[in-house]
Full PDB file with SEQRES, HELIX, SHEET, SSBOND, CRYST1, ORIGX, SCALE, CONECT and MASTER records, all heavy atoms in Angstrom:
SEQRES   1 A   42  ALA TYR ASP TYR ILE PHE PRO SER PHE ALA LEU ALA SER          
SEQRES   2 A   42  GLY SER LYS VAL VAL VAL HIS VAL ARG SER VAL GLY ALA          
SEQRES   3 A   42  ASN SER ALA THR ASP LEU TYR TRP PRO ASP THR GLY SER          
SEQRES   4 A   42  VAL ASN MET                                                  
SHEET    1 AA1 2 VAL A  18  VAL A  21  0                                        
SHEET    2 AA1 2 ASP A  31  TRP A  34  1                                        
CRYST1    1.000    1.000    1.000  90.00  90.00  90.00 P 1           1          
ORIGX1      1.000000  0.000000  0.000000        0.00000                         
ORIGX2      0.000000  1.000000  0.000000        0.00000                         
ORIGX3      0.000000  0.000000  1.000000        0.00000                         
SCALE1      1.000000  0.000000  0.000000        0.00000                         
SCALE2      0.000000  1.000000  0.000000        0.00000                         
SCALE3      0.000000  0.000000  1.000000        0.00000                         
ATOM      1  N   ALA A   1      79.733  31.052 -59.579  1.00  0.00           N  
ATOM      2  CA  ALA A   1      81.165  30.939 -59.860  1.00  0.00           C  
ATOM      3  C   ALA A   1      81.817  32.308 -60.037  1.00  0.00           C  
ATOM      4  O   ALA A   1      83.038  32.446 -59.908  1.00  0.00           O  
ATOM      5  CB  ALA A   1      81.386  30.109 -61.119  1.00  0.00           C  
ATOM      6  N   TYR A   2      81.002  33.332 -60.298  1.00  0.00           N  
ATOM      7  CA  TYR A   2      81.518  34.678 -60.522  1.00  0.00           C  
ATOM      8  C   TYR A   2      81.240  35.622 -59.350  1.00  0.00           C  
ATOM      9  O   TYR A   2      81.423  36.837 -59.472  1.00  0.00           O  
ATOM     10  CB  TYR A   2      80.937  35.253 -61.817  1.00  0.00           C  
ATOM     11  CG  TYR A   2      81.402  34.534 -63.054  1.00  0.00           C  
ATOM     12  CD1 TYR A   2      80.591  33.573 -63.665  1.00  0.00           C  
ATOM     13  CD2 TYR A   2      82.667  34.774 -63.601  1.00  0.00           C  
ATOM     14  CE1 TYR A   2      81.022  32.889 -64.792  1.00  0.00           C  
ATOM     15  CE2 TYR A   2      83.097  34.101 -64.731  1.00  0.00           C  
ATOM     16  CZ  TYR A   2      82.272  33.158 -65.325  1.00  0.00           C  
ATOM     17  OH  TYR A   2      82.715  32.479 -66.435  1.00  0.00           O  
ATOM     18  N   ASP A   3      80.797  35.086 -58.229  1.00  0.00           N  
ATOM     19  CA  ASP A   3      80.591  35.920 -57.039  1.00  0.00           C  
ATOM     20  C   ASP A   3      81.870  36.673 -56.700  1.00  0.00           C  
ATOM     21  O   ASP A   3      82.985  36.204 -56.969  1.00  0.00           O  
ATOM     22  CB  ASP A   3      80.206  35.061 -55.835  1.00  0.00           C  
ATOM     23  CG  ASP A   3      78.795  34.508 -55.912  1.00  0.00           C  
ATOM     24  OD1 ASP A   3      77.994  35.019 -56.726  1.00  0.00           O  
ATOM     25  OD2 ASP A   3      78.495  33.565 -55.165  1.00  0.00           O  
ATOM     26  N   TYR A   4      81.693  37.828 -56.062  1.00  0.00           N  
ATOM     27  CA  TYR A   4      82.872  38.567 -55.614  1.00  0.00           C  
ATOM     28  C   TYR A   4      83.254  38.090 -54.220  1.00  0.00           C  
ATOM     29  O   TYR A   4      82.440  38.131 -53.295  1.00  0.00           O  
ATOM     30  CB  TYR A   4      82.611  40.076 -55.578  1.00  0.00           C  
ATOM     31  CG  TYR A   4      83.838  40.847 -55.122  1.00  0.00           C  
ATOM     32  CD1 TYR A   4      84.933  40.985 -55.954  1.00  0.00           C  
ATOM     33  CD2 TYR A   4      83.909  41.405 -53.841  1.00  0.00           C  
ATOM     34  CE1 TYR A   4      86.068  41.659 -55.553  1.00  0.00           C  
ATOM     35  CE2 TYR A   4      85.039  42.083 -53.425  1.00  0.00           C  
ATOM     36  CZ  TYR A   4      86.116  42.211 -54.286  1.00  0.00           C  
ATOM     37  OH  TYR A   4      87.246  42.874 -53.876  1.00  0.00           O  
ATOM     38  N   ILE A   5      84.498  37.648 -54.069  1.00  0.00           N  
ATOM     39  CA  ILE A   5      85.006  37.227 -52.768  1.00  0.00           C  
ATOM     40  C   ILE A   5      86.074  38.225 -52.331  1.00  0.00           C  
ATOM     41  O   ILE A   5      87.052  38.458 -53.050  1.00  0.00           O  
ATOM     42  CB  ILE A   5      85.581  35.803 -52.823  1.00  0.00           C  
ATOM     43  CG1 ILE A   5      84.480  34.806 -53.240  1.00  0.00           C  
ATOM     44  CG2 ILE A   5      86.160  35.405 -51.472  1.00  0.00           C  
ATOM     45  CD1 ILE A   5      84.952  33.376 -53.363  1.00  0.00           C  
ATOM     46  N   PHE A   6      85.861  38.825 -51.172  1.00  0.00           N  
ATOM     47  CA  PHE A   6      86.779  39.847 -50.684  1.00  0.00           C  
ATOM     48  C   PHE A   6      88.178  39.274 -50.481  1.00  0.00           C  
ATOM     49  O   PHE A   6      88.342  38.198 -49.919  1.00  0.00           O  
ATOM     50  CB  PHE A   6      86.283  40.411 -49.362  1.00  0.00           C  
ATOM     51  CG  PHE A   6      85.255  41.503 -49.508  1.00  0.00           C  
ATOM     52  CD1 PHE A   6      83.957  41.196 -49.885  1.00  0.00           C  
ATOM     53  CD2 PHE A   6      85.576  42.836 -49.259  1.00  0.00           C  
ATOM     54  CE1 PHE A   6      82.998  42.185 -50.017  1.00  0.00           C  
ATOM     55  CE2 PHE A   6      84.622  43.834 -49.392  1.00  0.00           C  
ATOM     56  CZ  PHE A   6      83.326  43.514 -49.771  1.00  0.00           C  
ATOM     57  N   PRO A   7      89.182  40.029 -50.918  1.00  0.00           N  
ATOM     58  CA  PRO A   7      90.566  39.639 -50.612  1.00  0.00           C  
ATOM     59  C   PRO A   7      90.850  39.970 -49.142  1.00  0.00           C  
ATOM     60  O   PRO A   7      89.935  40.348 -48.401  1.00  0.00           O  
ATOM     61  CB  PRO A   7      91.378  40.549 -51.551  1.00  0.00           C  
ATOM     62  CG  PRO A   7      90.530  41.787 -51.657  1.00  0.00           C  
ATOM     63  CD  PRO A   7      89.099  41.287 -51.657  1.00  0.00           C  
ATOM     64  N   SER A   8      92.098  39.863 -48.724  1.00  0.00           N  
ATOM     65  CA  SER A   8      92.457  40.269 -47.361  1.00  0.00           C  
ATOM     66  C   SER A   8      92.111  41.748 -47.209  1.00  0.00           C  
ATOM     67  O   SER A   8      92.686  42.616 -47.895  1.00  0.00           O  
ATOM     68  CB  SER A   8      93.953  40.042 -47.132  1.00  0.00           C  
ATOM     69  OG  SER A   8      94.324  40.478 -45.846  1.00  0.00           O  
ATOM     70  N   PHE A   9      91.141  42.043 -46.330  1.00  0.00           N  
ATOM     71  CA  PHE A   9      90.631  43.413 -46.271  1.00  0.00           C  
ATOM     72  C   PHE A   9      89.990  43.693 -44.913  1.00  0.00           C  
ATOM     73  O   PHE A   9      89.232  42.868 -44.394  1.00  0.00           O  
ATOM     74  CB  PHE A   9      89.572  43.629 -47.372  1.00  0.00           C  
ATOM     75  CG  PHE A   9      89.080  45.051 -47.473  1.00  0.00           C  
ATOM     76  CD1 PHE A   9      89.842  46.008 -48.107  1.00  0.00           C  
ATOM     77  CD2 PHE A   9      87.863  45.423 -46.915  1.00  0.00           C  
ATOM     78  CE1 PHE A   9      89.404  47.322 -48.189  1.00  0.00           C  
ATOM     79  CE2 PHE A   9      87.416  46.717 -46.999  1.00  0.00           C  
ATOM     80  CZ  PHE A   9      88.189  47.684 -47.636  1.00  0.00           C  
ATOM     81  N   ALA A  10      90.295  44.841 -44.336  1.00  0.00           N  
ATOM     82  CA  ALA A  10      89.705  45.275 -43.075  1.00  0.00           C  
ATOM     83  C   ALA A  10      89.043  46.630 -43.280  1.00  0.00           C  
ATOM     84  O   ALA A  10      89.614  47.519 -43.924  1.00  0.00           O  
ATOM     85  CB  ALA A  10      90.754  45.354 -41.982  1.00  0.00           C  
ATOM     86  N   LEU A  11      87.837  46.793 -42.746  1.00  0.00           N  
ATOM     87  CA  LEU A  11      87.070  48.030 -42.898  1.00  0.00           C  
ATOM     88  C   LEU A  11      86.898  48.670 -41.524  1.00  0.00           C  
ATOM     89  O   LEU A  11      86.325  48.073 -40.610  1.00  0.00           O  
ATOM     90  CB  LEU A  11      85.714  47.728 -43.527  1.00  0.00           C  
ATOM     91  CG  LEU A  11      84.843  48.924 -43.942  1.00  0.00           C  
ATOM     92  CD1 LEU A  11      85.575  49.795 -44.972  1.00  0.00           C  
ATOM     93  CD2 LEU A  11      83.522  48.440 -44.534  1.00  0.00           C  
ATOM     94  N   ALA A  12      87.396  49.891 -41.396  1.00  0.00           N  
ATOM     95  CA  ALA A  12      87.339  50.589 -40.111  1.00  0.00           C  
ATOM     96  C   ALA A  12      85.915  50.959 -39.741  1.00  0.00           C  
ATOM     97  O   ALA A  12      85.033  51.073 -40.609  1.00  0.00           O  
ATOM     98  CB  ALA A  12      88.209  51.846 -40.166  1.00  0.00           C  
ATOM     99  N   SER A  13      85.680  51.165 -38.469  1.00  0.00           N  
ATOM    100  CA  SER A  13      84.358  51.561 -37.991  1.00  0.00           C  
ATOM    101  C   SER A  13      83.916  52.861 -38.654  1.00  0.00           C  
ATOM    102  O   SER A  13      84.671  53.841 -38.713  1.00  0.00           O  
ATOM    103  CB  SER A  13      84.406  51.761 -36.473  1.00  0.00           C  
ATOM    104  OG  SER A  13      83.209  52.339 -35.999  1.00  0.00           O  
ATOM    105  N   GLY A  14      82.699  52.856 -39.212  1.00  0.00           N  
ATOM    106  CA  GLY A  14      82.150  54.041 -39.860  1.00  0.00           C  
ATOM    107  C   GLY A  14      82.634  54.274 -41.276  1.00  0.00           C  
ATOM    108  O   GLY A  14      82.151  55.180 -41.962  1.00  0.00           O  
ATOM    109  N   SER A  15      83.587  53.475 -41.735  1.00  0.00           N  
ATOM    110  CA  SER A  15      84.143  53.663 -43.081  1.00  0.00           C  
ATOM    111  C   SER A  15      83.340  52.915 -44.138  1.00  0.00           C  
ATOM    112  O   SER A  15      82.562  52.016 -43.821  1.00  0.00           O  
ATOM    113  CB  SER A  15      85.596  53.185 -43.118  1.00  0.00           C  
ATOM    114  OG  SER A  15      86.400  53.988 -42.297  1.00  0.00           O  
ATOM    115  N   LYS A  16      83.561  53.306 -45.382  1.00  0.00           N  
ATOM    116  CA  LYS A  16      82.877  52.691 -46.510  1.00  0.00           C  
ATOM    117  C   LYS A  16      83.894  52.233 -47.552  1.00  0.00           C  
ATOM    118  O   LYS A  16      84.964  52.828 -47.685  1.00  0.00           O  
ATOM    119  CB  LYS A  16      81.909  53.689 -47.157  1.00  0.00           C  
ATOM    120  CG  LYS A  16      80.803  54.163 -46.229  1.00  0.00           C  
ATOM    121  CD  LYS A  16      79.924  55.216 -46.891  1.00  0.00           C  
ATOM    122  CE  LYS A  16      78.806  55.679 -45.965  1.00  0.00           C  
ATOM    123  NZ  LYS A  16      77.959  56.725 -46.578  1.00  0.00           N  
ATOM    124  N   VAL A  17      83.530  51.183 -48.270  1.00  0.00           N  
ATOM    125  CA  VAL A  17      84.335  50.736 -49.393  1.00  0.00           C  
ATOM    126  C   VAL A  17      83.405  50.539 -50.571  1.00  0.00           C  
ATOM    127  O   VAL A  17      82.279  50.064 -50.425  1.00  0.00           O  
ATOM    128  CB  VAL A  17      85.097  49.432 -49.068  1.00  0.00           C  
ATOM    129  CG1 VAL A  17      84.154  48.275 -48.754  1.00  0.00           C  
ATOM    130  CG2 VAL A  17      86.033  49.054 -50.214  1.00  0.00           C  
ATOM    131  N   VAL A  18      83.847  50.959 -51.750  1.00  0.00           N  
ATOM    132  CA  VAL A  18      83.053  50.832 -52.973  1.00  0.00           C  
ATOM    133  C   VAL A  18      83.615  49.686 -53.800  1.00  0.00           C  
ATOM    134  O   VAL A  18      84.807  49.677 -54.139  1.00  0.00           O  
ATOM    135  CB  VAL A  18      83.090  52.139 -53.794  1.00  0.00           C  
ATOM    136  CG1 VAL A  18      82.302  51.969 -55.094  1.00  0.00           C  
ATOM    137  CG2 VAL A  18      82.506  53.297 -52.978  1.00  0.00           C  
ATOM    138  N   VAL A  19      82.756  48.706 -54.086  1.00  0.00           N  
ATOM    139  CA  VAL A  19      83.151  47.577 -54.920  1.00  0.00           C  
ATOM    140  C   VAL A  19      82.685  47.867 -56.345  1.00  0.00           C  
ATOM    141  O   VAL A  19      81.486  47.951 -56.612  1.00  0.00           O  
ATOM    142  CB  VAL A  19      82.531  46.261 -54.410  1.00  0.00           C  
ATOM    143  CG1 VAL A  19      82.946  45.095 -55.304  1.00  0.00           C  
ATOM    144  CG2 VAL A  19      82.950  45.988 -52.964  1.00  0.00           C  
ATOM    145  N   HIS A  20      83.630  48.047 -57.247  1.00  0.00           N  
ATOM    146  CA  HIS A  20      83.337  48.406 -58.639  1.00  0.00           C  
ATOM    147  C   HIS A  20      83.108  47.136 -59.460  1.00  0.00           C  
ATOM    148  O   HIS A  20      83.994  46.289 -59.579  1.00  0.00           O  
ATOM    149  CB  HIS A  20      84.497  49.217 -59.215  1.00  0.00           C  
ATOM    150  CG  HIS A  20      84.767  50.492 -58.470  1.00  0.00           C  
ATOM    151  ND1 HIS A  20      84.174  51.680 -58.801  1.00  0.00           N  
ATOM    152  CD2 HIS A  20      85.554  50.731 -57.377  1.00  0.00           C  
ATOM    153  CE1 HIS A  20      84.589  52.636 -57.967  1.00  0.00           C  
ATOM    154  NE2 HIS A  20      85.422  52.079 -57.091  1.00  0.00           N  
ATOM    155  N   VAL A  21      81.921  47.028 -60.027  1.00  0.00           N  
ATOM    156  CA  VAL A  21      81.498  45.819 -60.737  1.00  0.00           C  
ATOM    157  C   VAL A  21      81.968  45.852 -62.193  1.00  0.00           C  
ATOM    158  O   VAL A  21      81.809  46.854 -62.885  1.00  0.00           O  
ATOM    159  CB  VAL A  21      79.965  45.671 -60.681  1.00  0.00           C  
ATOM    160  CG1 VAL A  21      79.512  44.389 -61.382  1.00  0.00           C  
ATOM    161  CG2 VAL A  21      79.486  45.679 -59.224  1.00  0.00           C  
ATOM    162  N   ARG A  22      82.563  44.751 -62.628  1.00  0.00           N  
ATOM    163  CA  ARG A  22      83.076  44.608 -63.996  1.00  0.00           C  
ATOM    164  C   ARG A  22      84.032  45.742 -64.332  1.00  0.00           C  
ATOM    165  O   ARG A  22      83.979  46.343 -65.414  1.00  0.00           O  
ATOM    166  CB  ARG A  22      81.945  44.531 -65.018  1.00  0.00           C  
ATOM    167  CG  ARG A  22      81.104  43.270 -64.919  1.00  0.00           C  
ATOM    168  CD  ARG A  22      80.137  43.144 -66.092  1.00  0.00           C  
ATOM    169  NE  ARG A  22      80.846  42.781 -67.310  1.00  0.00           N  
ATOM    170  CZ  ARG A  22      80.268  42.665 -68.516  1.00  0.00           C  
ATOM    171  NH1 ARG A  22      78.961  42.873 -68.618  1.00  0.00           N  
ATOM    172  NH2 ARG A  22      80.956  42.331 -69.574  1.00  0.00           N  
ATOM    173  N   SER A  23      84.910  46.013 -63.390  1.00  0.00           N  
ATOM    174  CA  SER A  23      85.861  47.105 -63.553  1.00  0.00           C  
ATOM    175  C   SER A  23      87.227  46.655 -63.045  1.00  0.00           C  
ATOM    176  O   SER A  23      87.325  45.823 -62.144  1.00  0.00           O  
ATOM    177  CB  SER A  23      85.390  48.337 -62.777  1.00  0.00           C  
ATOM    178  OG  SER A  23      86.267  49.427 -62.955  1.00  0.00           O  
ATOM    179  N   VAL A  24      88.282  47.228 -63.615  1.00  0.00           N  
ATOM    180  CA  VAL A  24      89.645  46.866 -63.263  1.00  0.00           C  
ATOM    181  C   VAL A  24      90.345  48.076 -62.657  1.00  0.00           C  
ATOM    182  O   VAL A  24      90.217  49.194 -63.151  1.00  0.00           O  
ATOM    183  CB  VAL A  24      90.431  46.370 -64.494  1.00  0.00           C  
ATOM    184  CG1 VAL A  24      91.877  46.062 -64.119  1.00  0.00           C  
ATOM    185  CG2 VAL A  24      89.764  45.126 -65.081  1.00  0.00           C  
ATOM    186  N   GLY A  25      91.061  47.850 -61.570  1.00  0.00           N  
ATOM    187  CA  GLY A  25      91.801  48.930 -60.943  1.00  0.00           C  
ATOM    188  C   GLY A  25      92.650  48.398 -59.804  1.00  0.00           C  
ATOM    189  O   GLY A  25      92.695  47.189 -59.550  1.00  0.00           O  
ATOM    190  N   ALA A  26      93.317  49.295 -59.105  1.00  0.00           N  
ATOM    191  CA  ALA A  26      94.158  48.917 -57.977  1.00  0.00           C  
ATOM    192  C   ALA A  26      93.332  48.975 -56.695  1.00  0.00           C  
ATOM    193  O   ALA A  26      92.790  50.023 -56.346  1.00  0.00           O  
ATOM    194  CB  ALA A  26      95.358  49.860 -57.885  1.00  0.00           C  
ATOM    195  N   ASN A  27      93.230  47.853 -56.013  1.00  0.00           N  
ATOM    196  CA  ASN A  27      92.487  47.813 -54.760  1.00  0.00           C  
ATOM    197  C   ASN A  27      93.115  48.747 -53.728  1.00  0.00           C  
ATOM    198  O   ASN A  27      94.342  48.889 -53.668  1.00  0.00           O  
ATOM    199  CB  ASN A  27      92.454  46.392 -54.192  1.00  0.00           C  
ATOM    200  CG  ASN A  27      91.566  45.457 -54.984  1.00  0.00           C  
ATOM    201  OD1 ASN A  27      90.700  45.888 -55.736  1.00  0.00           O  
ATOM    202  ND2 ASN A  27      91.778  44.162 -54.820  1.00  0.00           N  
ATOM    203  N   SER A  28      92.262  49.369 -52.925  1.00  0.00           N  
ATOM    204  CA  SER A  28      92.733  50.266 -51.882  1.00  0.00           C  
ATOM    205  C   SER A  28      91.798  50.158 -50.680  1.00  0.00           C  
ATOM    206  O   SER A  28      90.865  49.346 -50.672  1.00  0.00           O  
ATOM    207  CB  SER A  28      92.767  51.716 -52.391  1.00  0.00           C  
ATOM    208  OG  SER A  28      91.448  52.204 -52.601  1.00  0.00           O  
ATOM    209  N   ALA A  29      92.001  50.986 -49.679  1.00  0.00           N  
ATOM    210  CA  ALA A  29      91.166  50.973 -48.478  1.00  0.00           C  
ATOM    211  C   ALA A  29      89.752  51.465 -48.772  1.00  0.00           C  
ATOM    212  O   ALA A  29      88.827  51.190 -48.003  1.00  0.00           O  
ATOM    213  CB  ALA A  29      91.795  51.832 -47.390  1.00  0.00           C  
ATOM    214  N   THR A  30      89.574  52.177 -49.882  1.00  0.00           N  
ATOM    215  CA  THR A  30      88.269  52.756 -50.210  1.00  0.00           C  
ATOM    216  C   THR A  30      87.631  52.176 -51.468  1.00  0.00           C  
ATOM    217  O   THR A  30      86.433  52.372 -51.695  1.00  0.00           O  
ATOM    218  CB  THR A  30      88.388  54.276 -50.393  1.00  0.00           C  
ATOM    219  OG1 THR A  30      89.372  54.560 -51.405  1.00  0.00           O  
ATOM    220  CG2 THR A  30      88.811  54.951 -49.092  1.00  0.00           C  
ATOM    221  N   ASP A  31      88.408  51.486 -52.280  1.00  0.00           N  
ATOM    222  CA  ASP A  31      87.899  50.962 -53.550  1.00  0.00           C  
ATOM    223  C   ASP A  31      88.435  49.563 -53.825  1.00  0.00           C  
ATOM    224  O   ASP A  31      89.643  49.314 -53.712  1.00  0.00           O  
ATOM    225  CB  ASP A  31      88.305  51.887 -54.705  1.00  0.00           C  
ATOM    226  CG  ASP A  31      87.691  53.270 -54.588  1.00  0.00           C  
ATOM    227  OD1 ASP A  31      86.558  53.465 -55.077  1.00  0.00           O  
ATOM    228  OD2 ASP A  31      88.343  54.150 -53.990  1.00  0.00           O  
ATOM    229  N   LEU A  32      87.499  48.678 -54.180  1.00  0.00           N  
ATOM    230  CA  LEU A  32      87.859  47.320 -54.569  1.00  0.00           C  
ATOM    231  C   LEU A  32      87.280  47.056 -55.961  1.00  0.00           C  
ATOM    232  O   LEU A  32      86.240  47.628 -56.327  1.00  0.00           O  
ATOM    233  CB  LEU A  32      87.308  46.310 -53.569  1.00  0.00           C  
ATOM    234  CG  LEU A  32      87.869  46.381 -52.141  1.00  0.00           C  
ATOM    235  CD1 LEU A  32      87.091  45.440 -51.220  1.00  0.00           C  
ATOM    236  CD2 LEU A  32      89.352  46.047 -52.116  1.00  0.00           C  
ATOM    237  N   TYR A  33      87.930  46.170 -56.714  1.00  0.00           N  
ATOM    238  CA  TYR A  33      87.523  45.949 -58.106  1.00  0.00           C  
ATOM    239  C   TYR A  33      87.162  44.488 -58.360  1.00  0.00           C  
ATOM    240  O   TYR A  33      87.869  43.574 -57.965  1.00  0.00           O  
ATOM    241  CB  TYR A  33      88.641  46.421 -59.042  1.00  0.00           C  
ATOM    242  CG  TYR A  33      88.816  47.923 -58.967  1.00  0.00           C  
ATOM    243  CD1 TYR A  33      89.626  48.490 -57.985  1.00  0.00           C  
ATOM    244  CD2 TYR A  33      88.128  48.766 -59.826  1.00  0.00           C  
ATOM    245  CE1 TYR A  33      89.759  49.864 -57.875  1.00  0.00           C  
ATOM    246  CE2 TYR A  33      88.255  50.144 -59.727  1.00  0.00           C  
ATOM    247  CZ  TYR A  33      89.066  50.691 -58.748  1.00  0.00           C  
ATOM    248  OH  TYR A  33      89.172  52.063 -58.634  1.00  0.00           O  
ATOM    249  N   TRP A  34      86.035  44.341 -59.031  1.00  0.00           N  
ATOM    250  CA  TRP A  34      85.436  43.037 -59.338  1.00  0.00           C  
ATOM    251  C   TRP A  34      85.449  42.897 -60.856  1.00  0.00           C  
ATOM    252  O   TRP A  34      84.489  43.273 -61.525  1.00  0.00           O  
ATOM    253  CB  TRP A  34      84.020  43.038 -58.775  1.00  0.00           C  
ATOM    254  CG  TRP A  34      83.204  41.794 -58.901  1.00  0.00           C  
ATOM    255  CD1 TRP A  34      83.512  40.621 -59.513  1.00  0.00           C  
ATOM    256  CD2 TRP A  34      81.877  41.630 -58.375  1.00  0.00           C  
ATOM    257  NE1 TRP A  34      82.476  39.735 -59.408  1.00  0.00           N  
ATOM    258  CE2 TRP A  34      81.459  40.326 -58.707  1.00  0.00           C  
ATOM    259  CE3 TRP A  34      81.004  42.453 -57.676  1.00  0.00           C  
ATOM    260  CZ2 TRP A  34      80.192  39.840 -58.365  1.00  0.00           C  
ATOM    261  CZ3 TRP A  34      79.756  41.967 -57.328  1.00  0.00           C  
ATOM    262  CH2 TRP A  34      79.362  40.666 -57.664  1.00  0.00           C  
ATOM    263  N   PRO A  35      86.531  42.408 -61.434  1.00  0.00           N  
ATOM    264  CA  PRO A  35      86.685  42.467 -62.892  1.00  0.00           C  
ATOM    265  C   PRO A  35      85.810  41.527 -63.703  1.00  0.00           C  
ATOM    266  O   PRO A  35      85.456  41.836 -64.841  1.00  0.00           O  
ATOM    267  CB  PRO A  35      88.168  42.136 -63.092  1.00  0.00           C  
ATOM    268  CG  PRO A  35      88.520  41.302 -61.898  1.00  0.00           C  
ATOM    269  CD  PRO A  35      87.713  41.853 -60.766  1.00  0.00           C  
ATOM    270  N   ASP A  36      85.456  40.380 -63.142  1.00  0.00           N  
ATOM    271  CA  ASP A  36      84.777  39.366 -63.954  1.00  0.00           C  
ATOM    272  C   ASP A  36      83.489  38.887 -63.293  1.00  0.00           C  
ATOM    273  O   ASP A  36      83.499  38.315 -62.214  1.00  0.00           O  
ATOM    274  CB  ASP A  36      85.714  38.183 -64.175  1.00  0.00           C  
ATOM    275  CG  ASP A  36      85.173  37.180 -65.184  1.00  0.00           C  
ATOM    276  OD1 ASP A  36      84.118  37.461 -65.797  1.00  0.00           O  
ATOM    277  OD2 ASP A  36      85.800  36.120 -65.351  1.00  0.00           O  
ATOM    278  N   THR A  37      82.369  39.134 -63.957  1.00  0.00           N  
ATOM    279  CA  THR A  37      81.069  38.641 -63.473  1.00  0.00           C  
ATOM    280  C   THR A  37      80.449  37.672 -64.469  1.00  0.00           C  
ATOM    281  O   THR A  37      79.250  37.405 -64.429  1.00  0.00           O  
ATOM    282  CB  THR A  37      80.087  39.811 -63.247  1.00  0.00           C  
ATOM    283  OG1 THR A  37      79.829  40.450 -64.512  1.00  0.00           O  
ATOM    284  CG2 THR A  37      80.641  40.826 -62.262  1.00  0.00           C  
ATOM    285  N   GLY A  38      81.261  37.175 -65.386  1.00  0.00           N  
ATOM    286  CA  GLY A  38      80.711  36.312 -66.421  1.00  0.00           C  
ATOM    287  C   GLY A  38      79.862  37.091 -67.400  1.00  0.00           C  
ATOM    288  O   GLY A  38      78.861  36.586 -67.931  1.00  0.00           O  
ATOM    289  N   SER A  39      80.259  38.355 -67.635  1.00  0.00           N  
ATOM    290  CA  SER A  39      79.562  39.246 -68.579  1.00  0.00           C  
ATOM    291  C   SER A  39      78.143  39.584 -68.149  1.00  0.00           C  
ATOM    292  O   SER A  39      77.286  39.887 -68.984  1.00  0.00           O  
ATOM    293  CB  SER A  39      79.550  38.645 -69.994  1.00  0.00           C  
ATOM    294  OG  SER A  39      80.867  38.401 -70.454  1.00  0.00           O  
ATOM    295  N   VAL A  40      77.882  39.552 -66.856  1.00  0.00           N  
ATOM    296  CA  VAL A  40      76.541  39.868 -66.330  1.00  0.00           C  
ATOM    297  C   VAL A  40      76.593  41.175 -65.544  1.00  0.00           C  
ATOM    298  O   VAL A  40      77.484  41.380 -64.713  1.00  0.00           O  
ATOM    299  CB  VAL A  40      76.031  38.742 -65.402  1.00  0.00           C  
ATOM    300  CG1 VAL A  40      74.683  39.110 -64.801  1.00  0.00           C  
ATOM    301  CG2 VAL A  40      75.921  37.441 -66.178  1.00  0.00           C  
ATOM    302  N   ASN A  41      75.640  42.081 -65.838  1.00  0.00           N  
ATOM    303  CA  ASN A  41      75.504  43.322 -65.087  1.00  0.00           C  
ATOM    304  C   ASN A  41      74.328  43.215 -64.129  1.00  0.00           C  
ATOM    305  O   ASN A  41      73.480  42.335 -64.262  1.00  0.00           O  
ATOM    306  CB  ASN A  41      75.294  44.509 -66.032  1.00  0.00           C  
ATOM    307  CG  ASN A  41      76.512  44.810 -66.886  1.00  0.00           C  
ATOM    308  OD1 ASN A  41      77.649  44.741 -66.404  1.00  0.00           O  
ATOM    309  ND2 ASN A  41      76.289  45.125 -68.150  1.00  0.00           N  
ATOM    310  N   MET A  42      74.245  44.145 -63.193  1.00  0.00           N  
ATOM    311  CA  MET A  42      73.091  44.186 -62.306  1.00  0.00           C  
ATOM    312  C   MET A  42      71.852  44.620 -63.086  1.00  0.00           C  
ATOM    313  O   MET A  42      71.953  45.345 -64.087  1.00  0.00           O  
ATOM    314  CB  MET A  42      73.352  45.162 -61.137  1.00  0.00           C  
ATOM    315  CG  MET A  42      74.359  44.643 -60.142  1.00  0.00           C  
ATOM    316  SD  MET A  42      74.493  45.666 -58.643  1.00  0.00           S  
ATOM    317  CE  MET A  42      75.474  47.030 -59.268  1.00  0.00           C  
TER     318      MET A  42                                                      
MASTER        0    0    0    0    2    0    0    6  317    1    0    4          
END                                                                             
């Protein structure tokens, strides 16, 4: 129930995006934020 599901997002060839776990911020072309994991860390 706490899986991260990508919002509307396109990744260019050769590009990278960093998904920040249990973190809040403004999504961008290079950084996405996954605020809620049900209090579970990796």
